[in-house]
Amino acid sequence: MFPTFLSEPEENAPGQLLADLERRQDEALEQLDDLEKKLNEVLKGLNVDVEEPELD
């Protein structure tokens, strides 16, 4: 019988961890964008003007 690490599915294949981390990062960034949109809507409803910081 093969050792456990040789018989496991390819979810532990080289590069799979990086792909999973990139997918999770993309999901987190999408969630942040959604939260920012909701926050801006709430602030707009409260008549609060938010200044955008300058990016260098």
PDB file of N, CA and C in Angstrom:
ATOM      1  N   MET A   1       0.843  -1.185   0.000  1.00  0.00           N
ATOM      2  CA  MET A   1       0.000   0.000   0.000  1.00  0.00           C
ATOM      3  C   MET A   1       0.886   1.245   0.000  1.00  0.00           C
ATOM      4  N   PHE A   2       0.416   2.290  -0.684  1.00  0.00           N
ATOM      5  CA  PHE A   2       1.172   3.533  -0.767  1.00  0.00           C
ATOM      6  C   PHE A   2       1.081   4.301   0.543  1.00  0.00           C
ATOM      7  N   PRO A   3       2.106   5.074   0.848  1.00  0.00           N
ATOM      8  CA  PRO A   3       1.994   5.961   2.016  1.00  0.00           C
ATOM      9  C   PRO A   3       0.832   6.927   1.817  1.00  0.00           C
ATOM     10  N   THR A   4       0.323   7.445   2.906  1.00  0.00           N
ATOM     11  CA  THR A   4      -0.854   8.312   2.866  1.00  0.00           C
ATOM     12  C   THR A   4      -0.669   9.497   1.921  1.00  0.00           C
ATOM     13  N   PHE A   5       0.503  10.132   1.959  1.00  0.00           N
ATOM     14  CA  PHE A   5       0.675  11.330   1.148  1.00  0.00           C
ATOM     15  C   PHE A   5       0.661  11.036  -0.349  1.00  0.00           C
ATOM     16  N   LEU A   6       0.931   9.815  -0.762  1.00  0.00           N
ATOM     17  CA  LEU A   6       0.886   9.476  -2.181  1.00  0.00           C
ATOM     18  C   LEU A   6      -0.511   9.104  -2.644  1.00  0.00           C
ATOM     19  N   SER A   7      -1.347   8.697  -1.715  1.00  0.00           N
ATOM     20  CA  SER A   7      -2.676   8.250  -2.103  1.00  0.00           C
ATOM     21  C   SER A   7      -3.755   9.314  -1.890  1.00  0.00           C
ATOM     22  N   GLU A   8      -3.367  10.472  -1.361  1.00  0.00           N
ATOM     23  CA  GLU A   8      -4.339  11.540  -1.144  1.00  0.00           C
ATOM     24  C   GLU A   8      -4.718  12.174  -2.475  1.00  0.00           C
ATOM     25  N   PRO A   9      -5.907  12.761  -2.552  1.00  0.00           N
ATOM     26  CA  PRO A   9      -6.309  13.430  -3.796  1.00  0.00           C
ATOM     27  C   PRO A   9      -5.362  14.570  -4.136  1.00  0.00           C
ATOM     28  N   GLU A  10      -5.517  15.119  -5.310  1.00  0.00           N
ATOM     29  CA  GLU A  10      -4.595  16.140  -5.797  1.00  0.00           C
ATOM     30  C   GLU A  10      -4.783  17.498  -5.146  1.00  0.00           C
ATOM     31  N   GLU A  11      -5.633  17.588  -4.133  1.00  0.00           N
ATOM     32  CA  GLU A  11      -5.820  18.877  -3.470  1.00  0.00           C
ATOM     33  C   GLU A  11      -4.550  19.336  -2.787  1.00  0.00           C
ATOM     34  N   ASN A  12      -3.622  18.431  -2.528  1.00  0.00           N
ATOM     35  CA  ASN A  12      -2.354  18.797  -1.907  1.00  0.00           C
ATOM     36  C   ASN A  12      -1.226  18.852  -2.932  1.00  0.00           C
ATOM     37  N   ALA A  13      -1.558  18.837  -4.202  1.00  0.00           N
ATOM     38  CA  ALA A  13      -0.547  18.880  -5.252  1.00  0.00           C
ATOM     39  C   ALA A  13       0.190  20.213  -5.194  1.00  0.00           C
ATOM     40  N   PRO A  14       1.451  20.216  -5.639  1.00  0.00           N
ATOM     41  CA  PRO A  14       2.201  21.476  -5.661  1.00  0.00           C
ATOM     42  C   PRO A  14       1.444  22.538  -6.456  1.00  0.00           C
ATOM     43  N   GLY A  15       1.414  23.730  -5.937  1.00  0.00           N
ATOM     44  CA  GLY A  15       0.715  24.819  -6.609  1.00  0.00           C
ATOM     45  C   GLY A  15      -0.742  24.935  -6.219  1.00  0.00           C
ATOM     46  N   GLN A  16      -1.320  23.868  -5.680  1.00  0.00           N
ATOM     47  CA  GLN A  16      -2.732  23.913  -5.310  1.00  0.00           C
ATOM     48  C   GLN A  16      -2.954  24.853  -4.129  1.00  0.00           C
ATOM     49  N   LEU A  17      -2.016  24.858  -3.201  1.00  0.00           N
ATOM     50  CA  LEU A  17      -2.136  25.756  -2.049  1.00  0.00           C
ATOM     51  C   LEU A  17      -2.107  27.212  -2.505  1.00  0.00           C
ATOM     52  N   LEU A  18      -1.198  27.531  -3.418  1.00  0.00           N
ATOM     53  CA  LEU A  18      -1.123  28.897  -3.930  1.00  0.00           C
ATOM     54  C   LEU A  18      -2.410  29.280  -4.649  1.00  0.00           C
ATOM     55  N   ALA A  19      -2.935  28.373  -5.461  1.00  0.00           N
ATOM     56  CA  ALA A  19      -4.184  28.645  -6.184  1.00  0.00           C
ATOM     57  C   ALA A  19      -5.325  28.874  -5.201  1.00  0.00           C
ATOM     58  N   ASP A  20      -5.363  28.084  -4.131  1.00  0.00           N
ATOM     59  CA  ASP A  20      -6.413  28.235  -3.124  1.00  0.00           C
ATOM     60  C   ASP A  20      -6.276  29.574  -2.405  1.00  0.00           C
ATOM     61  N   LEU A  21      -5.057  29.944  -2.063  1.00  0.00           N
ATOM     62  CA  LEU A  21      -4.832  31.228  -1.391  1.00  0.00           C
ATOM     63  C   LEU A  21      -5.203  32.402  -2.295  1.00  0.00           C
ATOM     64  N   GLU A  22      -4.881  32.308  -3.577  1.00  0.00           N
ATOM     65  CA  GLU A  22      -5.246  33.374  -4.513  1.00  0.00           C
ATOM     66  C   GLU A  22      -6.760  33.484  -4.649  1.00  0.00           C
ATOM     67  N   ARG A  23      -7.443  32.345  -4.684  1.00  0.00           N
ATOM     68  CA  ARG A  23      -8.907  32.350  -4.782  1.00  0.00           C
ATOM     69  C   ARG A  23      -9.506  32.997  -3.540  1.00  0.00           C
ATOM     70  N   ARG A  24      -8.983  32.622  -2.372  1.00  0.00           N
ATOM     71  CA  ARG A  24      -9.497  33.185  -1.127  1.00  0.00           C
ATOM     72  C   ARG A  24      -9.209  34.681  -1.038  1.00  0.00           C
ATOM     73  N   GLN A  25      -8.048  35.110  -1.539  1.00  0.00           N
ATOM     74  CA  GLN A  25      -7.720  36.534  -1.551  1.00  0.00           C
ATOM     75  C   GLN A  25      -8.694  37.291  -2.447  1.00  0.00           C
ATOM     76  N   ASP A  26      -8.981  36.738  -3.615  1.00  0.00           N
ATOM     77  CA  ASP A  26      -9.934  37.380  -4.525  1.00  0.00           C
ATOM     78  C   ASP A  26     -11.309  37.503  -3.875  1.00  0.00           C
ATOM     79  N   GLU A  27     -11.738  36.450  -3.167  1.00  0.00           N
ATOM     80  CA  GLU A  27     -13.034  36.492  -2.484  1.00  0.00           C
ATOM     81  C   GLU A  27     -13.039  37.567  -1.403  1.00  0.00           C
ATOM     82  N   ALA A  28     -11.941  37.666  -0.651  1.00  0.00           N
ATOM     83  CA  ALA A  28     -11.855  38.670   0.412  1.00  0.00           C
ATOM     84  C   ALA A  28     -11.882  40.081  -0.168  1.00  0.00           C
ATOM     85  N   LEU A  29     -11.187  40.288  -1.281  1.00  0.00           N
ATOM     86  CA  LEU A  29     -11.184  41.610  -1.912  1.00  0.00           C
ATOM     87  C   LEU A  29     -12.567  41.973  -2.439  1.00  0.00           C
ATOM     88  N   GLU A  30     -13.292  41.003  -2.973  1.00  0.00           N
ATOM     89  CA  GLU A  30     -14.663  41.252  -3.427  1.00  0.00           C
ATOM     90  C   GLU A  30     -15.551  41.644  -2.252  1.00  0.00           C
ATOM     91  N   GLN A  31     -15.381  40.957  -1.119  1.00  0.00           N
ATOM     92  CA  GLN A  31     -16.169  41.281   0.067  1.00  0.00           C
ATOM     93  C   GLN A  31     -15.849  42.691   0.556  1.00  0.00           C
ATOM     94  N   LEU A  32     -14.569  43.066   0.521  1.00  0.00           N
ATOM     95  CA  LEU A  32     -14.190  44.420   0.929  1.00  0.00           C
ATOM     96  C   LEU A  32     -14.806  45.467   0.012  1.00  0.00           C
ATOM     97  N   ASP A  33     -14.811  45.196  -1.285  1.00  0.00           N
ATOM     98  CA  ASP A  33     -15.438  46.130  -2.230  1.00  0.00           C
ATOM     99  C   ASP A  33     -16.925  46.285  -1.932  1.00  0.00           C
ATOM    100  N   ASP A  34     -17.602  45.167  -1.655  1.00  0.00           N
ATOM    101  CA  ASP A  34     -19.031  45.216  -1.333  1.00  0.00           C
ATOM    102  C   ASP A  34     -19.277  46.011  -0.053  1.00  0.00           C
ATOM    103  N   LEU A  35     -18.443  45.784   0.959  1.00  0.00           N
ATOM    104  CA  LEU A  35     -18.593  46.516   2.219  1.00  0.00           C
ATOM    105  C   LEU A  35     -18.345  48.010   2.026  1.00  0.00           C
ATOM    106  N   GLU A  36     -17.368  48.348   1.190  1.00  0.00           N
ATOM    107  CA  GLU A  36     -17.093  49.762   0.930  1.00  0.00           C
ATOM    108  C   GLU A  36     -18.286  50.426   0.248  1.00  0.00           C
ATOM    109  N   LYS A  37     -18.905  49.737  -0.691  1.00  0.00           N
ATOM    110  CA  LYS A  37     -20.084  50.283  -1.366  1.00  0.00           C
ATOM    111  C   LYS A  37     -21.220  50.504  -0.372  1.00  0.00           C
ATOM    112  N   LYS A  38     -21.438  49.532   0.511  1.00  0.00           N
ATOM    113  CA  LYS A  38     -22.503  49.661   1.510  1.00  0.00           C
ATOM    114  C   LYS A  38     -22.212  50.812   2.462  1.00  0.00           C
ATOM    115  N   LEU A  39     -20.966  50.925   2.892  1.00  0.00           N
ATOM    116  CA  LEU A  39     -20.583  52.009   3.792  1.00  0.00           C
ATOM    117  C   LEU A  39     -20.798  53.364   3.128  1.00  0.00           C
ATOM    118  N   ASN A  40     -20.409  53.475   1.873  1.00  0.00           N
ATOM    119  CA  ASN A  40     -20.602  54.742   1.157  1.00  0.00           C
ATOM    120  C   ASN A  40     -22.079  55.088   1.033  1.00  0.00           C
ATOM    121  N   GLU A  41     -22.931  54.086   0.829  1.00  0.00           N
ATOM    122  CA  GLU A  41     -24.377  54.331   0.762  1.00  0.00           C
ATOM    123  C   GLU A  41     -24.905  54.839   2.099  1.00  0.00           C
ATOM    124  N   VAL A  42     -24.445  54.231   3.187  1.00  0.00           N
ATOM    125  CA  VAL A  42     -24.882  54.656   4.521  1.00  0.00           C
ATOM    126  C   VAL A  42     -24.416  56.082   4.791  1.00  0.00           C
ATOM    127  N   LEU A  43     -23.156  56.362   4.494  1.00  0.00           N
ATOM    128  CA  LEU A  43     -22.633  57.709   4.728  1.00  0.00           C
ATOM    129  C   LEU A  43     -23.355  58.739   3.875  1.00  0.00           C
ATOM    130  N   LYS A  44     -23.681  58.366   2.643  1.00  0.00           N
ATOM    131  CA  LYS A  44     -24.423  59.280   1.770  1.00  0.00           C
ATOM    132  C   LYS A  44     -25.802  59.565   2.366  1.00  0.00           C
ATOM    133  N   GLY A  45     -26.433  58.537   2.932  1.00  0.00           N
ATOM    134  CA  GLY A  45     -27.734  58.708   3.568  1.00  0.00           C
ATOM    135  C   GLY A  45     -27.667  59.599   4.793  1.00  0.00           C
ATOM    136  N   LEU A  46     -26.508  59.653   5.419  1.00  0.00           N
ATOM    137  CA  LEU A  46     -26.309  60.509   6.589  1.00  0.00           C
ATOM    138  C   LEU A  46     -25.759  61.883   6.209  1.00  0.00           C
ATOM    139  N   ASN A  47     -25.661  62.139   4.908  1.00  0.00           N
ATOM    140  CA  ASN A  47     -25.116  63.401   4.395  1.00  0.00           C
ATOM    141  C   ASN A  47     -23.693  63.656   4.876  1.00  0.00           C
ATOM    142  N   VAL A  48     -22.888  62.605   4.857  1.00  0.00           N
ATOM    143  CA  VAL A  48     -21.485  62.714   5.241  1.00  0.00           C
ATOM    144  C   VAL A  48     -20.643  62.625   3.978  1.00  0.00           C
ATOM    145  N   ASP A  49     -19.785  63.633   3.792  1.00  0.00           N
ATOM    146  CA  ASP A  49     -18.877  63.614   2.647  1.00  0.00           C
ATOM    147  C   ASP A  49     -17.545  63.022   3.090  1.00  0.00           C
ATOM    148  N   VAL A  50     -17.096  62.037   2.355  1.00  0.00           N
ATOM    149  CA  VAL A  50     -15.824  61.390   2.668  1.00  0.00           C
ATOM    150  C   VAL A  50     -14.817  61.796   1.609  1.00  0.00           C
ATOM    151  N   GLU A  51     -13.680  62.300   2.082  1.00  0.00           N
ATOM    152  CA  GLU A  51     -12.622  62.672   1.150  1.00  0.00           C
ATOM    153  C   GLU A  51     -11.798  61.438   0.824  1.00  0.00           C
ATOM    154  N   GLU A  52     -11.567  61.229  -0.460  1.00  0.00           N
ATOM    155  CA  GLU A  52     -10.745  60.109  -0.892  1.00  0.00           C
ATOM    156  C   GLU A  52      -9.277  60.475  -0.687  1.00  0.00           C
ATOM    157  N   PRO A  53      -8.498  59.612  -0.060  1.00  0.00           N
ATOM    158  CA  PRO A  53      -7.069  59.912   0.111  1.00  0.00           C
ATOM    159  C   PRO A  53      -6.350  59.844  -1.238  1.00  0.00           C
ATOM    160  N   GLU A  54      -5.332  60.699  -1.382  1.00  0.00           N
ATOM    161  CA  GLU A  54      -4.549  60.678  -2.607  1.00  0.00           C
ATOM    162  C   GLU A  54      -3.593  59.500  -2.566  1.00  0.00           C
ATOM    163  N   LEU A  55      -3.556  58.752  -3.651  1.00  0.00           N
ATOM    164  CA  LEU A  55      -2.632  57.631  -3.752  1.00  0.00           C
ATOM    165  C   LEU A  55      -1.421  58.061  -4.558  1.00  0.00           C
ATOM    166  N   ASP A  56      -0.259  57.824  -4.014  1.00  0.00           N
ATOM    167  CA  ASP A  56       0.977  58.200  -4.723  1.00  0.00           C
ATOM    168  C   ASP A  56       1.385  57.138  -5.700  1.00  0.00           C
TER     169      ASP A  56
END
